C-alpha cells in the first residue's frame, strides 16, 4: 500500500513538472536579438563644456542594445551605440565620428571627436 502512495506521489510530481516546462516552452519571445525597436527613451539632457559649447544627449534602448543620440551645437544629430566600457566601468558610445564616455554620476561625460579633441560636458 505504501508503494502505491509513493508511486502516485511521484506520478503527480512528474505531471506538475512537465506542466510548468510546457508553459515555458510556449511562452512568446519577448525580445528579438535582431530587433531595432526603440524603447525606454529617456528625456533629453542639455550639457555644456567650459568653452560654452552645448550638446543634447538622449539615451534609449534599441532592441537589446543601448544607444544614444547626440546633437552638438547646430550640427546634425548622431546616433551612437554602446561599444564597451572604460577601465572605470563607465559605458562608451561611438559612431565612428564621436565617442561619448558617460561619467559615473550619469549626468556628465567626455566627448572625443574623430581628430582626438576631448571636451568634458556637464
C-alpha atoms as a PDB file:
ATOM      1  CA  UNK A   1       0.000   0.000   0.000  1.00  0.00           C
ATOM      2  CA  UNK A   2       2.859   2.378   0.826  1.00  0.00           C
ATOM      3  CA  UNK A   3       4.403   1.681  -2.556  1.00  0.00           C
ATOM      4  CA  UNK A   4       1.179   2.704  -4.288  1.00  0.00           C
ATOM      5  CA  UNK A   5       1.163   6.069  -2.473  1.00  0.00           C
ATOM      6  CA  UNK A   6       4.814   6.659  -3.322  1.00  0.00           C
ATOM      7  CA  UNK A   7       4.216   5.822  -6.980  1.00  0.00           C
ATOM      8  CA  UNK A   8       1.119   8.047  -7.036  1.00  0.00           C
ATOM      9  CA  UNK A   9       3.044  10.950  -5.435  1.00  0.00           C
ATOM     10  CA  UNK A  10       5.910  10.559  -7.925  1.00  0.00           C
ATOM     11  CA  UNK A  11       3.452  10.468 -10.815  1.00  0.00           C
ATOM     12  CA  UNK A  12       1.742  13.664  -9.597  1.00  0.00           C
ATOM     13  CA  UNK A  13       5.138  15.350  -9.177  1.00  0.00           C
ATOM     14  CA  UNK A  14       6.207  14.410 -12.708  1.00  0.00           C
ATOM     15  CA  UNK A  15       2.955  15.721 -14.164  1.00  0.00           C
ATOM     16  CA  UNK A  16       3.330  19.052 -12.353  1.00  0.00           C
ATOM     17  CA  UNK A  17       6.959  19.420 -13.504  1.00  0.00           C
ATOM     18  CA  UNK A  18       6.012  18.650 -17.084  1.00  0.00           C
ATOM     19  CA  UNK A  19       3.153  21.148 -16.944  1.00  0.00           C
ATOM     20  CA  UNK A  20       5.494  24.012 -15.892  1.00  0.00           C
ATOM     21  CA  UNK A  21       8.044  23.281 -18.604  1.00  0.00           C
ATOM     22  CA  UNK A  22       5.418  23.136 -21.350  1.00  0.00           C
ATOM     23  CA  UNK A  23       4.120  26.549 -20.253  1.00  0.00           C
ATOM     24  CA  UNK A  24       7.630  27.980 -20.516  1.00  0.00           C
ATOM     25  CA  UNK A  25       8.215  26.421 -23.926  1.00  0.00           C
ATOM     26  CA  UNK A  26       5.061  28.002 -25.348  1.00  0.00           C
ATOM     27  CA  UNK A  27       5.777  31.491 -23.981  1.00  0.00           C
ATOM     28  CA  UNK A  28       6.180  34.157 -26.651  1.00  0.00           C
ATOM     29  CA  UNK A  29       9.627  35.585 -27.318  1.00  0.00           C
ATOM     30  CA  UNK A  30       9.788  38.968 -25.625  1.00  0.00           C
ATOM     31  CA  UNK A  31      12.881  40.345 -27.313  1.00  0.00           C
ATOM     32  CA  UNK A  32      14.402  39.524 -30.671  1.00  0.00           C
ATOM     33  CA  UNK A  33      18.187  39.945 -30.791  1.00  0.00           C
ATOM     34  CA  UNK A  34      17.932  41.494 -34.254  1.00  0.00           C
ATOM     35  CA  UNK A  35      15.156  43.911 -33.327  1.00  0.00           C
ATOM     36  CA  UNK A  36      15.899  47.609 -33.744  1.00  0.00           C
ATOM     37  CA  UNK A  37      12.788  48.686 -31.849  1.00  0.00           C
ATOM     38  CA  UNK A  38      13.428  51.859 -29.850  1.00  0.00           C
ATOM     39  CA  UNK A  39      12.235  51.729 -26.254  1.00  0.00           C
ATOM     40  CA  UNK A  40      12.944  53.119 -22.799  1.00  0.00           C
ATOM     41  CA  UNK A  41      13.758  56.500 -24.308  1.00  0.00           C
ATOM     42  CA  UNK A  42      14.850  58.963 -21.626  1.00  0.00           C
ATOM     43  CA  UNK A  43      14.360  62.697 -21.570  1.00  0.00           C
ATOM     44  CA  UNK A  44      16.919  64.728 -23.498  1.00  0.00           C
ATOM     45  CA  UNK A  45      19.657  66.362 -21.411  1.00  0.00           C
ATOM     46  CA  UNK A  46      21.435  69.557 -22.433  1.00  0.00           C
ATOM     47  CA  UNK A  47      25.052  69.746 -21.287  1.00  0.00           C
ATOM     48  CA  UNK A  48      27.717  72.435 -21.724  1.00  0.00           C
ATOM     49  CA  UNK A  49      31.506  72.473 -21.640  1.00  0.00           C
ATOM     50  CA  UNK A  50      33.897  75.173 -20.415  1.00  0.00           C
ATOM     51  CA  UNK A  51      34.018  76.713 -23.930  1.00  0.00           C
ATOM     52  CA  UNK A  52      30.262  77.317 -23.900  1.00  0.00           C
ATOM     53  CA  UNK A  53      29.506  74.601 -26.464  1.00  0.00           C
ATOM     54  CA  UNK A  54      26.329  72.628 -25.883  1.00  0.00           C
ATOM     55  CA  UNK A  55      25.273  69.094 -26.630  1.00  0.00           C
ATOM     56  CA  UNK A  56      21.907  67.422 -26.274  1.00  0.00           C
ATOM     57  CA  UNK A  57      22.006  63.720 -25.373  1.00  0.00           C
ATOM     58  CA  UNK A  58      19.166  61.221 -25.260  1.00  0.00           C
ATOM     59  CA  UNK A  59      19.649  57.629 -24.092  1.00  0.00           C
ATOM     60  CA  UNK A  60      17.444  54.743 -25.236  1.00  0.00           C
ATOM     61  CA  UNK A  61      17.352  51.023 -25.902  1.00  0.00           C
ATOM     62  CA  UNK A  62      17.473  49.836 -29.491  1.00  0.00           C
ATOM     63  CA  UNK A  63      16.418  46.214 -29.448  1.00  0.00           C
ATOM     64  CA  UNK A  64      18.729  44.674 -26.853  1.00  0.00           C
ATOM     65  CA  UNK A  65      21.437  47.311 -27.365  1.00  0.00           C
ATOM     66  CA  UNK A  66      21.988  50.564 -25.501  1.00  0.00           C
ATOM     67  CA  UNK A  67      22.197  53.648 -27.715  1.00  0.00           C
ATOM     68  CA  UNK A  68      22.041  57.424 -27.607  1.00  0.00           C
ATOM     69  CA  UNK A  69      21.588  60.409 -29.841  1.00  0.00           C
ATOM     70  CA  UNK A  70      23.979  63.330 -29.625  1.00  0.00           C
ATOM     71  CA  UNK A  71      23.500  66.755 -31.158  1.00  0.00           C
ATOM     72  CA  UNK A  72      26.362  69.224 -30.773  1.00  0.00           C
ATOM     73  CA  UNK A  73      25.603  72.922 -31.318  1.00  0.00           C
ATOM     74  CA  UNK A  74      23.978  73.221 -34.760  1.00  0.00           C
ATOM     75  CA  UNK A  75      25.438  70.025 -36.237  1.00  0.00           C
ATOM     76  CA  UNK A  76      23.310  67.143 -37.415  1.00  0.00           C
ATOM     77  CA  UNK A  77      22.238  64.554 -34.863  1.00  0.00           C
ATOM     78  CA  UNK A  78      24.461  61.486 -34.425  1.00  0.00           C
ATOM     79  CA  UNK A  79      23.294  58.067 -33.223  1.00  0.00           C
ATOM     80  CA  UNK A  80      25.936  56.377 -31.070  1.00  0.00           C
ATOM     81  CA  UNK A  81      25.855  52.751 -29.933  1.00  0.00           C
ATOM     82  CA  UNK A  82      27.345  51.404 -26.716  1.00  0.00           C
ATOM     83  CA  UNK A  83      30.565  49.615 -27.653  1.00  0.00           C
ATOM     84  CA  UNK A  84      32.005  48.744 -24.259  1.00  0.00           C
ATOM     85  CA  UNK A  85      33.236  50.347 -21.081  1.00  0.00           C
ATOM     86  CA  UNK A  86      36.277  52.276 -19.952  1.00  0.00           C
ATOM     87  CA  UNK A  87      38.538  50.968 -17.140  1.00  0.00           C
ATOM     88  CA  UNK A  88      36.179  52.501 -14.550  1.00  0.00           C
ATOM     89  CA  UNK A  89      33.249  50.525 -15.979  1.00  0.00           C
ATOM     90  CA  UNK A  90      31.518  53.541 -17.477  1.00  0.00           C
ATOM     91  CA  UNK A  91      29.841  52.966 -20.861  1.00  0.00           C
ATOM     92  CA  UNK A  92      31.413  54.231 -24.078  1.00  0.00           C
ATOM     93  CA  UNK A  93      29.174  55.109 -27.032  1.00  0.00           C
ATOM     94  CA  UNK A  94      30.520  55.691 -30.537  1.00  0.00           C
ATOM     95  CA  UNK A  95      29.508  56.134 -34.156  1.00  0.00           C
ATOM     96  CA  UNK A  96      32.998  56.367 -35.655  1.00  0.00           C
ATOM     97  CA  UNK A  97      32.963  60.163 -35.578  1.00  0.00           C
ATOM     98  CA  UNK A  98      32.223  60.857 -31.906  1.00  0.00           C
ATOM     99  CA  UNK A  99      32.924  58.831 -28.779  1.00  0.00           C
ATOM    100  CA  UNK A 100      30.998  59.613 -25.583  1.00  0.00           C
ATOM    101  CA  UNK A 101      32.146  58.320 -22.193  1.00  0.00           C
ATOM    102  CA  UNK A 102      29.390  58.656 -19.642  1.00  0.00           C
ATOM    103  CA  UNK A 103      30.656  59.659 -16.193  1.00  0.00           C
ATOM    104  CA  UNK A 104      29.747  57.669 -13.112  1.00  0.00           C
ATOM    105  CA  UNK A 105      27.330  60.400 -11.985  1.00  0.00           C
ATOM    106  CA  UNK A 106      25.253  59.762 -15.124  1.00  0.00           C
ATOM    107  CA  UNK A 107      24.853  63.498 -15.750  1.00  0.00           C
ATOM    108  CA  UNK A 108      28.123  64.370 -17.466  1.00  0.00           C
ATOM    109  CA  UNK A 109      30.741  62.855 -19.718  1.00  0.00           C
ATOM    110  CA  UNK A 110      33.675  63.213 -22.088  1.00  0.00           C
ATOM    111  CA  UNK A 111      33.167  63.773 -25.786  1.00  0.00           C
ATOM    112  CA  UNK A 112      36.012  62.867 -28.142  1.00  0.00           C
ATOM    113  CA  UNK A 113      35.812  63.708 -31.837  1.00  0.00           C
ATOM    114  CA  UNK A 114      37.484  61.947 -34.758  1.00  0.00           C
ATOM    115  CA  UNK A 115      40.535  64.231 -34.505  1.00  0.00           C
ATOM    116  CA  UNK A 116      41.056  63.278 -30.844  1.00  0.00           C
ATOM    117  CA  UNK A 117      39.816  66.556 -29.333  1.00  0.00           C
ATOM    118  CA  UNK A 118      38.336  65.916 -25.882  1.00  0.00           C
ATOM    119  CA  UNK A 119      35.739  68.057 -24.095  1.00  0.00           C
ATOM    120  CA  UNK A 120      34.086  67.472 -20.743  1.00  0.00           C
ATOM    121  CA  UNK A 121      30.379  68.302 -20.699  1.00  0.00           C
ATOM    122  CA  UNK A 122      28.377  68.843 -17.512  1.00  0.00           C
END
